[in-house]
Amino acid sequence: MTILAETWEYPRIGNNREIKKALKAFFTGKLETDALLQTVPALKNMVKSATVRQQETNAS
């Protein structure tokens, strides 16, 4: 039995595509698992901070 898989595109999450770069580095062996798992929470914090700032600006 042969199973074929195809990835169309990396996710483009982050202003500088941080998740794409982290995944690529991980799959090529240049990034450890712990560093990969730290990338997503760091981006979530960045997005949350930006959202709060935007809401504060809109409320003014």
Protein backbone atom coordinates (compact mmCIF):
# COMPACT_ATOMS: atom_id res chain seq x y z
CA MET A 1 0.00 0.00 0.00
CA THR A 2 1.41 3.37 -1.01
CA ILE A 3 0.34 6.58 0.69
CA LEU A 4 1.14 9.85 -1.03
CA ALA A 5 1.04 13.18 0.75
CA GLU A 6 1.46 16.67 -0.58
CA THR A 7 1.87 20.01 1.15
CA TRP A 8 0.62 22.90 -0.93
CA GLU A 9 2.08 25.71 1.08
CA TYR A 10 3.50 26.65 4.47
CA PRO A 11 1.35 28.84 6.70
CA ARG A 12 2.13 32.54 6.41
CA ILE A 13 1.62 33.45 10.04
CA GLY A 14 3.59 36.36 11.43
CA ASN A 15 4.71 39.62 9.86
CA ASN A 16 7.91 37.97 8.70
CA ARG A 17 6.45 34.48 8.21
CA GLU A 18 8.00 33.26 11.44
CA ILE A 19 6.05 30.00 11.54
CA LYS A 20 6.98 29.16 7.94
CA LYS A 21 10.64 29.78 8.70
CA ALA A 22 10.49 27.81 11.94
CA LEU A 23 8.82 24.82 10.25
CA LYS A 24 11.32 24.84 7.40
CA ALA A 25 14.25 25.01 9.84
CA PHE A 26 12.74 22.19 11.92
CA PHE A 27 12.23 19.86 8.96
CA THR A 28 15.76 20.49 7.67
CA GLY A 29 17.19 19.71 11.10
CA LYS A 30 18.36 23.25 11.89
CA LEU A 31 15.86 23.83 14.71
CA GLU A 32 15.15 21.75 17.80
CA THR A 33 11.62 20.74 18.84
CA ASP A 34 11.63 23.02 21.88
CA ALA A 35 12.48 26.08 19.78
CA LEU A 36 9.73 25.20 17.30
CA LEU A 37 7.17 24.89 20.09
CA GLN A 38 8.22 28.28 21.50
CA THR A 39 7.63 30.04 18.17
CA VAL A 40 3.84 29.76 18.19
CA PRO A 41 3.22 31.11 21.72
CA ALA A 42 5.60 33.99 21.03
CA LEU A 43 3.58 34.90 17.94
CA LYS A 44 0.32 34.62 19.84
CA ASN A 45 1.66 37.10 22.42
CA MET A 46 2.72 39.49 19.64
CA VAL A 47 -0.72 39.33 18.01
CA LYS A 48 -2.49 39.78 21.34
CA SER A 49 -0.39 42.85 22.17
CA ALA A 50 -1.00 44.36 18.75
CA THR A 51 -4.75 43.73 19.05
CA VAL A 52 -4.90 45.40 22.47
CA ARG A 53 -2.97 48.43 21.17
CA GLN A 54 -5.29 48.69 18.17
CA GLN A 55 -8.38 48.50 20.38
CA GLU A 56 -6.97 51.19 22.69
CA THR A 57 -6.25 53.43 19.69
CA ASN A 58 -9.74 52.93 18.28
CA ALA A 59 -11.33 53.65 21.67
CA SER A 60 -9.55 57.02 21.94
